[in-house]
Amino acid sequence: MKLVSNSWPDGGRIPVRHAAGRLDDQGGVTFSDNISPQLSWDAAPEGTQSFVLICHDPDVPSRGDDVNQPGREVPEDLPRVDFFHWVMVDLPATLRQIEEGEFSRGFTPRGKPGPSTLHGARHGLNDYTGWFAEDAQRAGQYFGYDGPFPPFNDARVHRYVYTLYAIDLPHCPVDGAFTGAQVRAAIAGHVLGDACFTGTYTLNRRLA
């Protein structure tokens, strides 16, 4: 099984239109177009009953002391943790493509609705839910796709890993406002095959 996209080449820089954040003209950062990418894949393993799609950033700082602090930089060697940008389950086994912008066009304060979405699939919560939890203007449940918005002062270019899992279940055994970690646990032992597609993004002007 192979996962590809015509939105950018595998391993390449993610275009600004697919990010949640971009550089502005005043030396700072602002929200971007946040358009979900096009993805397609070939024949699935025999016995596939549905697909799971997860996008995560494995390069998020494990400590927030220096994050987005002017005049400071997040050290490249700081230990990193996962941040989920897109969690979707119950994609039908007959599906072979999702179109660019099909699941997101623009950033929605307090989050997009869910979990029900197109193709009979369900969206989980992405980690902007926790990131904005203490923000009075943006707190809410963030379902579906919300793209890159890494710290503007991070010394590391962030990677974004899209993984498509073919599973032997017609419905992923998670309910309600589920998370990426819960989906990973739920599909353990049910994955028949998987495929990855990656991109990179930074808002550090020194690196961009």
Protein backbone atom coordinates (compact mmCIF):
# COMPACT_ATOMS: atom_id res chain seq x y z
CA MET A 1 0.00 0.00 0.00
CA LYS A 2 1.33 3.45 -0.96
CA LEU A 3 0.10 6.90 0.17
CA VAL A 4 0.77 9.89 -2.12
CA SER A 5 -0.36 13.49 -2.58
CA ASN A 6 -0.36 16.07 -5.34
CA SER A 7 -0.38 18.86 -2.73
CA TRP A 8 3.42 18.58 -2.20
CA PRO A 9 6.15 15.95 -2.83
CA ASP A 10 6.77 13.34 -0.15
CA GLY A 11 9.22 14.74 2.38
CA GLY A 12 8.99 18.25 0.91
CA ARG A 13 8.02 21.57 2.43
CA ILE A 14 4.31 21.89 3.09
CA PRO A 15 2.79 24.83 1.14
CA VAL A 16 1.59 27.69 3.33
CA ARG A 17 -2.04 27.18 2.23
CA HIS A 18 -2.10 23.82 4.04
CA ALA A 19 -0.82 25.28 7.32
CA ALA A 20 -2.84 26.71 10.19
CA GLY A 21 -0.16 29.37 10.76
CA ARG A 22 2.02 31.51 8.51
CA LEU A 23 4.52 34.36 8.73
CA ASP A 24 3.00 37.84 8.44
CA ASP A 25 4.42 41.07 6.98
CA GLN A 26 5.03 42.66 10.38
CA GLY A 27 7.62 40.18 11.58
CA GLY A 28 5.14 37.99 13.47
CA VAL A 29 2.81 35.10 12.69
CA THR A 30 -0.90 34.80 11.93
CA PHE A 31 -3.48 32.23 10.85
CA SER A 32 -3.25 30.74 7.36
CA ASP A 33 -5.67 29.06 4.89
CA ASN A 34 -5.61 25.70 6.71
CA ILE A 35 -6.63 23.69 3.64
CA SER A 36 -6.57 19.91 4.10
CA PRO A 37 -4.32 18.18 1.53
CA GLN A 38 -5.20 15.81 -1.27
CA LEU A 39 -4.27 12.21 -0.50
CA SER A 40 -4.64 9.03 -2.54
CA TRP A 41 -3.62 5.42 -2.14
CA ASP A 42 -3.55 2.20 -4.10
CA ALA A 43 -5.04 -1.23 -3.46
CA ALA A 44 -5.44 -2.20 0.18
CA PRO A 45 -4.42 -5.53 1.75
CA GLU A 46 -6.87 -8.40 1.46
CA GLY A 47 -9.37 -8.34 4.30
CA THR A 48 -9.38 -4.54 4.71
CA GLN A 49 -12.74 -3.38 6.07
CA SER A 50 -11.95 0.29 6.74
CA PHE A 51 -9.15 2.85 6.88
CA VAL A 52 -7.83 5.07 9.66
CA LEU A 53 -5.94 8.28 8.86
CA ILE A 54 -3.70 10.02 11.39
CA CYS A 55 -1.47 13.07 10.92
CA HIS A 56 0.93 13.87 13.73
CA ASP A 57 3.92 16.10 14.37
CA PRO A 58 6.63 14.20 16.32
CA ASP A 59 8.72 17.35 16.84
CA VAL A 60 6.68 19.34 19.38
CA PRO A 61 8.75 20.68 22.31
CA SER A 62 8.28 18.61 25.44
CA ARG A 63 8.68 21.74 27.58
CA GLY A 64 7.08 25.11 26.91
CA ASP A 65 9.51 27.45 28.71
CA ASP A 66 10.94 28.96 25.50
CA VAL A 67 7.99 28.41 23.15
CA ASN A 68 7.02 31.57 21.23
CA GLN A 69 9.17 33.75 23.47
CA PRO A 70 10.73 36.68 21.52
CA GLY A 71 14.50 36.85 21.78
CA ARG A 72 14.78 33.16 22.69
CA GLU A 73 14.90 29.97 20.67
CA VAL A 74 13.64 26.48 21.48
CA PRO A 75 16.79 24.29 21.47
CA GLU A 76 16.91 21.76 18.66
CA ASP A 77 18.07 19.01 21.05
CA LEU A 78 15.12 19.47 23.45
CA PRO A 79 13.18 16.17 23.82
CA ARG A 80 10.07 16.12 21.63
CA VAL A 81 6.53 14.72 21.86
CA ASP A 82 3.67 13.96 19.46
CA PHE A 83 1.00 16.49 18.50
CA PHE A 84 -2.00 15.17 16.55
CA HIS A 85 -3.25 17.35 13.69
CA TRP A 86 -5.82 15.02 12.10
CA VAL A 87 -7.52 11.86 13.34
CA MET A 88 -10.12 10.17 11.15
CA VAL A 89 -11.62 6.66 11.38
CA ASP A 90 -14.18 4.55 9.49
CA LEU A 91 -13.09 5.60 6.02
CA PRO A 92 -14.69 2.98 3.73
CA ALA A 93 -12.54 0.20 2.32
CA THR A 94 -13.59 1.16 -1.24
CA LEU A 95 -12.27 4.73 -0.90
CA ARG A 96 -9.00 5.55 -2.70
CA GLN A 97 -8.76 9.35 -2.51
CA ILE A 98 -9.69 12.44 -0.56
CA GLU A 99 -9.66 15.77 -2.37
CA GLU A 100 -7.70 18.90 -1.44
CA GLY A 101 -9.84 21.09 0.81
CA GLU A 102 -12.50 18.41 1.22
CA PHE A 103 -12.22 18.39 5.02
CA SER A 104 -10.93 21.87 5.85
CA ARG A 105 -10.85 25.37 4.37
CA GLY A 106 -9.88 27.92 6.98
CA PHE A 107 -9.20 27.86 10.69
CA THR A 108 -12.32 27.75 12.88
CA PRO A 109 -12.01 29.34 16.35
CA ARG A 110 -13.32 26.88 19.00
CA GLY A 111 -12.96 24.07 16.46
CA LYS A 112 -14.81 22.42 13.61
CA PRO A 113 -17.82 20.23 14.43
CA GLY A 114 -17.59 16.45 14.78
CA PRO A 115 -17.27 13.57 15.04
CA SER A 116 -19.46 12.78 11.96
CA THR A 117 -17.91 13.77 8.64
CA LEU A 118 -17.84 12.91 4.91
CA HIS A 119 -17.82 9.38 3.46
CA GLY A 120 -19.46 8.03 6.62
CA ALA A 121 -16.19 8.57 8.49
CA ARG A 122 -15.70 10.06 11.96
CA HIS A 123 -13.25 12.71 13.08
CA GLY A 124 -11.41 12.59 16.37
CA LEU A 125 -10.08 15.53 18.33
CA ASN A 126 -6.80 17.08 17.28
CA ASP A 127 -4.39 18.51 19.85
CA TYR A 128 -5.36 22.14 19.31
CA THR A 129 -8.11 21.17 21.75
CA GLY A 130 -5.56 21.12 24.55
CA TRP A 131 -3.40 23.91 23.14
CA PHE A 132 -6.28 26.43 23.22
CA ALA A 133 -7.95 25.09 26.36
CA GLU A 134 -6.97 28.15 28.43
CA ASP A 135 -7.66 30.66 25.64
CA ALA A 136 -11.03 32.37 26.28
CA GLN A 137 -11.50 33.22 22.60
CA ARG A 138 -10.47 29.89 21.10
CA ALA A 139 -11.18 27.15 23.67
CA GLY A 140 -13.29 24.29 22.35
CA GLN A 141 -13.29 20.83 20.80
CA TYR A 142 -11.18 20.80 17.66
CA PHE A 143 -12.37 17.96 15.43
CA GLY A 144 -10.82 17.11 12.09
CA TYR A 145 -7.93 18.73 10.26
CA ASP A 146 -5.97 21.68 11.53
CA GLY A 147 -2.55 22.05 9.93
CA PRO A 148 0.94 23.14 11.03
CA PHE A 149 1.46 26.08 13.37
CA PRO A 150 4.82 25.30 15.03
CA PRO A 151 6.52 27.71 17.46
CA PHE A 152 7.95 30.69 15.57
CA ASN A 153 11.22 30.36 17.50
CA ASP A 154 11.85 26.62 17.23
CA ALA A 155 15.35 25.69 16.09
CA ARG A 156 13.99 22.45 14.65
CA VAL A 157 12.06 22.16 11.37
CA HIS A 158 8.93 20.15 12.18
CA ARG A 159 7.89 16.99 10.36
CA TYR A 160 4.26 16.10 9.67
CA VAL A 161 3.56 12.40 9.20
CA TYR A 162 0.36 11.25 7.51
CA THR A 163 -0.25 7.56 8.16
CA LEU A 164 -3.04 5.54 6.56
CA TYR A 165 -3.89 2.28 8.31
CA ALA A 166 -5.85 -0.54 6.67
CA ILE A 167 -7.68 -2.40 9.43
CA ASP A 168 -9.78 -5.56 9.65
CA LEU A 169 -12.70 -3.82 11.37
CA PRO A 170 -15.58 -1.98 9.65
CA HIS A 171 -15.70 0.52 12.51
CA CYS A 172 -12.88 1.62 14.77
CA PRO A 173 -13.78 0.76 18.41
CA VAL A 174 -13.69 4.33 19.77
CA ASP A 175 -16.64 6.54 20.67
CA GLY A 176 -17.48 10.17 21.32
CA ALA A 177 -14.71 12.78 21.28
CA PHE A 178 -11.82 10.35 20.86
CA THR A 179 -8.13 11.23 20.52
CA GLY A 180 -5.25 10.06 18.37
CA ALA A 181 -3.71 8.13 21.25
CA GLN A 182 -7.01 6.32 21.83
CA VAL A 183 -7.24 5.37 18.16
CA ARG A 184 -3.69 4.03 18.12
CA ALA A 185 -4.52 1.84 21.10
CA ALA A 186 -7.84 0.71 19.62
CA ILE A 187 -6.39 -0.48 16.30
CA ALA A 188 -3.46 -2.36 17.83
CA GLY A 189 -3.67 -5.93 16.56
CA HIS A 190 -6.08 -4.99 13.74
CA VAL A 191 -3.71 -3.32 11.26
CA LEU A 192 -3.30 -5.24 7.99
CA GLY A 193 -0.99 -2.66 6.42
CA ASP A 194 -0.02 0.99 6.59
CA ALA A 195 1.54 3.71 4.46
CA CYS A 196 3.10 7.07 5.30
CA PHE A 197 3.46 10.43 3.57
CA THR A 198 5.41 13.30 5.13
CA GLY A 199 6.04 17.03 4.86
CA THR A 200 8.02 19.68 6.74
CA TYR A 201 7.18 23.17 7.99
CA THR A 202 8.73 25.95 10.04
CA LEU A 203 7.83 29.47 11.14
CA ASN A 204 11.35 30.25 12.31
CA ARG A 205 12.46 33.07 9.98
CA ARG A 206 16.08 32.02 10.38
CA LEU A 207 15.22 28.61 8.91
CA ALA A 208 12.45 29.59 6.50
